[in-house]
Amino acid sequence: MLIFRDIISEDELFSDNFKMKVSEDGMFYEVEGTRVTRKNDGIDGALIGANASAEDAEEGTEEGTVTDVDIILNHNLQPSAFSKKSYMVYVKDYMKAIKSHLEEHNPERVADFMKAAPAAIKRITSDFDNFQFYSGSTMNPAGIVGALNYREDGITPYMLFFKDGLLSEKC
């Protein structure tokens, strides 16, 4: 199994357990997920010193559930709020960081990356209101932000991650 991590924060973002492909322009990993409902881990209040009231009948609290996209839940991704303007400020700085990383680790990729970057960014900004954004578990503001959207069916979620901003490691 491969785990994909952010080159800046080293946060785990997704694995190859998900259906994924490289976008046609070669700029993104497009990772397809599923909306799932999972039980939260319930904690017995008595274990943390809670004392049930004698006046209230025992209601037997149900364990809560959470519904979200499995990519987000499996890898503890955190929501990141952006206006279109603030996203442009972020992505400009992030592109500089990726370019710097490529210059050091993969210099032959820099020209193609810089040529394709504006159209890749436009893919997100042209449909900005339909995207939700998620960062890794450390919420490093300089790190990668995944963009969540839904396919034309309105049911199937997918996330876009800048391919050049990721490292893969075998587990």
Protein backbone atom coordinates (compact mmCIF):
# COMPACT_ATOMS: atom_id res chain seq x y z
CA MET A 1 0.00 0.00 0.00
CA LEU A 2 1.19 3.52 -0.77
CA ILE A 3 0.57 6.46 1.55
CA PHE A 4 0.68 9.95 0.04
CA ARG A 5 2.10 12.72 2.23
CA ASP A 6 2.45 16.47 1.87
CA ILE A 7 6.04 17.52 1.01
CA ILE A 8 5.82 20.46 3.42
CA SER A 9 3.95 19.23 6.51
CA GLU A 10 4.51 15.50 5.92
CA ASP A 11 0.84 14.99 6.83
CA GLU A 12 -0.75 11.80 5.52
CA LEU A 13 -3.44 12.78 2.99
CA PHE A 14 -4.65 9.61 1.25
CA SER A 15 -3.61 6.12 0.23
CA ASP A 16 -3.80 4.04 -2.90
CA ASN A 17 -6.67 2.09 -1.33
CA PHE A 18 -8.87 4.70 -2.99
CA LYS A 19 -9.73 4.80 -6.66
CA MET A 20 -7.36 7.40 -8.04
CA LYS A 21 -5.91 8.71 -11.26
CA VAL A 22 -3.62 11.44 -12.47
CA SER A 23 -5.54 14.29 -14.11
CA GLU A 24 -5.22 14.76 -17.86
CA ASP A 25 -2.90 17.75 -17.38
CA GLY A 26 -0.68 15.75 -14.99
CA MET A 27 -1.09 18.32 -12.21
CA PHE A 28 -3.44 16.55 -9.81
CA TYR A 29 -4.09 13.24 -8.20
CA GLU A 30 -7.84 12.88 -8.46
CA VAL A 31 -8.91 10.64 -5.57
CA GLU A 32 -12.44 9.25 -5.50
CA GLY A 33 -14.14 8.63 -2.19
CA THR A 34 -17.49 7.58 -0.78
CA ARG A 35 -19.76 9.23 1.77
CA VAL A 36 -19.87 6.96 4.80
CA THR A 37 -21.48 6.97 8.22
CA ARG A 38 -19.40 5.67 11.10
CA LYS A 39 -19.93 5.35 14.81
CA ASN A 40 -17.92 7.63 17.01
CA ASP A 41 -16.08 5.86 19.77
CA GLY A 42 -18.40 6.21 22.73
CA ILE A 43 -16.88 6.81 26.15
CA ASP A 44 -18.61 5.61 29.28
CA GLY A 45 -19.08 8.75 31.40
CA ALA A 46 -18.39 6.77 34.57
CA LEU A 47 -14.84 6.18 33.35
CA ILE A 48 -14.17 9.92 33.46
CA GLY A 49 -15.95 10.68 36.72
CA ALA A 50 -19.46 11.41 35.47
CA ASN A 51 -22.24 10.80 37.97
CA ALA A 52 -25.66 10.10 36.48
CA SER A 53 -28.43 12.10 38.15
CA ALA A 54 -30.90 10.07 40.22
CA GLU A 55 -33.71 12.44 39.23
CA ASP A 56 -33.35 11.86 35.51
CA ALA A 57 -34.17 8.48 34.12
CA GLU A 58 -31.22 6.77 32.49
CA GLU A 59 -31.55 7.56 28.83
CA GLY A 60 -28.82 5.23 27.65
CA THR A 61 -26.99 7.67 25.43
CA GLU A 62 -26.48 6.33 21.98
CA GLU A 63 -23.06 6.43 20.51
CA GLY A 64 -22.93 9.29 18.04
CA THR A 65 -22.28 8.85 14.39
CA VAL A 66 -20.41 10.94 11.89
CA THR A 67 -21.12 11.11 8.17
CA ASP A 68 -18.43 12.38 5.84
CA VAL A 69 -16.22 11.39 2.94
CA ASP A 70 -14.05 8.36 3.74
CA ILE A 71 -10.86 10.07 2.53
CA ILE A 72 -11.42 12.81 5.12
CA LEU A 73 -12.27 10.42 7.95
CA ASN A 74 -9.53 7.87 7.21
CA HIS A 75 -6.75 10.44 7.10
CA ASN A 76 -8.03 12.96 9.66
CA LEU A 77 -8.20 15.81 7.15
CA GLN A 78 -9.25 19.14 8.59
CA PRO A 79 -11.61 21.67 6.97
CA SER A 80 -9.96 24.86 5.74
CA ALA A 81 -12.08 27.91 4.96
CA PHE A 82 -11.14 30.11 2.02
CA SER A 83 -12.68 32.97 0.14
CA LYS A 84 -11.69 32.99 -3.51
CA LYS A 85 -9.31 35.86 -2.79
CA SER A 86 -7.66 34.14 0.18
CA TYR A 87 -7.34 30.90 -1.83
CA MET A 88 -5.49 32.80 -4.56
CA VAL A 89 -3.06 34.23 -1.98
CA TYR A 90 -2.53 30.75 -0.52
CA VAL A 91 -2.10 28.97 -3.87
CA LYS A 92 0.37 31.57 -5.14
CA ASP A 93 2.62 30.93 -2.12
CA TYR A 94 2.07 27.19 -2.38
CA MET A 95 3.09 27.14 -6.07
CA LYS A 96 6.32 28.93 -5.12
CA ALA A 97 7.00 26.27 -2.48
CA ILE A 98 6.39 23.44 -4.95
CA LYS A 99 8.59 25.14 -7.56
CA SER A 100 11.38 25.45 -5.00
CA HIS A 101 10.99 21.79 -4.04
CA LEU A 102 11.07 20.74 -7.70
CA GLU A 103 14.17 22.85 -8.41
CA GLU A 104 15.95 20.90 -5.69
CA HIS A 105 14.55 17.40 -6.27
CA ASN A 106 13.26 17.22 -9.86
CA PRO A 107 14.61 20.18 -11.90
CA GLU A 108 13.50 18.75 -15.25
CA ARG A 109 9.85 19.01 -14.08
CA VAL A 110 9.94 22.76 -13.24
CA ALA A 111 9.20 24.15 -16.73
CA ASP A 112 6.23 21.81 -17.33
CA PHE A 113 4.90 22.47 -13.84
CA MET A 114 5.06 26.26 -14.23
CA LYS A 115 3.44 26.08 -17.66
CA ALA A 116 0.51 23.91 -16.45
CA ALA A 117 -0.02 25.59 -13.04
CA PRO A 118 -2.28 28.50 -14.16
CA ALA A 119 -4.77 26.18 -15.91
CA ALA A 120 -4.73 23.78 -12.95
CA ILE A 121 -5.50 26.60 -10.53
CA LYS A 122 -8.27 27.81 -12.85
CA ARG A 123 -9.84 24.33 -12.71
CA ILE A 124 -10.54 25.01 -9.04
CA THR A 125 -11.19 28.75 -9.11
CA SER A 126 -13.62 28.59 -12.05
CA ASP A 127 -15.91 26.35 -9.97
CA PHE A 128 -14.77 27.69 -6.60
CA ASP A 129 -18.17 27.74 -4.85
CA ASN A 130 -18.59 23.99 -5.39
CA PHE A 131 -15.29 23.06 -3.73
CA GLN A 132 -14.59 22.46 -0.06
CA PHE A 133 -11.01 22.55 1.17
CA TYR A 134 -9.15 20.27 3.58
CA SER A 135 -5.65 20.35 4.99
CA GLY A 136 -3.67 17.64 6.72
CA SER A 137 -4.06 16.78 10.38
CA THR A 138 -1.47 19.34 11.58
CA MET A 139 -3.27 22.13 9.69
CA ASN A 140 0.07 23.58 8.60
CA PRO A 141 -0.90 26.80 6.75
CA ALA A 142 1.99 26.36 4.30
CA GLY A 143 1.03 22.76 3.48
CA ILE A 144 -1.11 21.29 0.74
CA VAL A 145 -4.86 21.81 0.68
CA GLY A 146 -7.02 19.16 -0.97
CA ALA A 147 -10.07 20.35 -2.89
CA LEU A 148 -13.27 18.31 -2.49
CA ASN A 149 -16.04 18.35 -5.08
CA TYR A 150 -18.70 15.94 -6.37
CA ARG A 151 -18.99 14.28 -9.76
CA GLU A 152 -21.81 15.16 -12.14
CA ASP A 153 -24.03 12.57 -10.41
CA GLY A 154 -23.97 14.79 -7.30
CA ILE A 155 -23.27 11.71 -5.16
CA THR A 156 -19.67 10.67 -5.78
CA PRO A 157 -17.07 12.80 -3.97
CA TYR A 158 -13.56 13.29 -5.26
CA MET A 159 -10.57 15.27 -4.08
CA LEU A 160 -7.86 17.02 -6.03
CA PHE A 161 -4.32 17.14 -4.65
CA PHE A 162 -1.43 18.81 -6.48
CA LYS A 163 0.66 15.83 -7.56
CA ASP A 164 3.99 17.65 -7.28
CA GLY A 165 3.21 18.55 -3.66
CA LEU A 166 3.14 14.92 -2.56
CA LEU A 167 5.53 12.17 -1.59
CA SER A 168 4.54 8.53 -1.65
CA GLU A 169 5.82 5.93 0.75
CA LYS A 170 5.28 2.21 0.84
CA CYS A 171 3.73 0.79 4.00
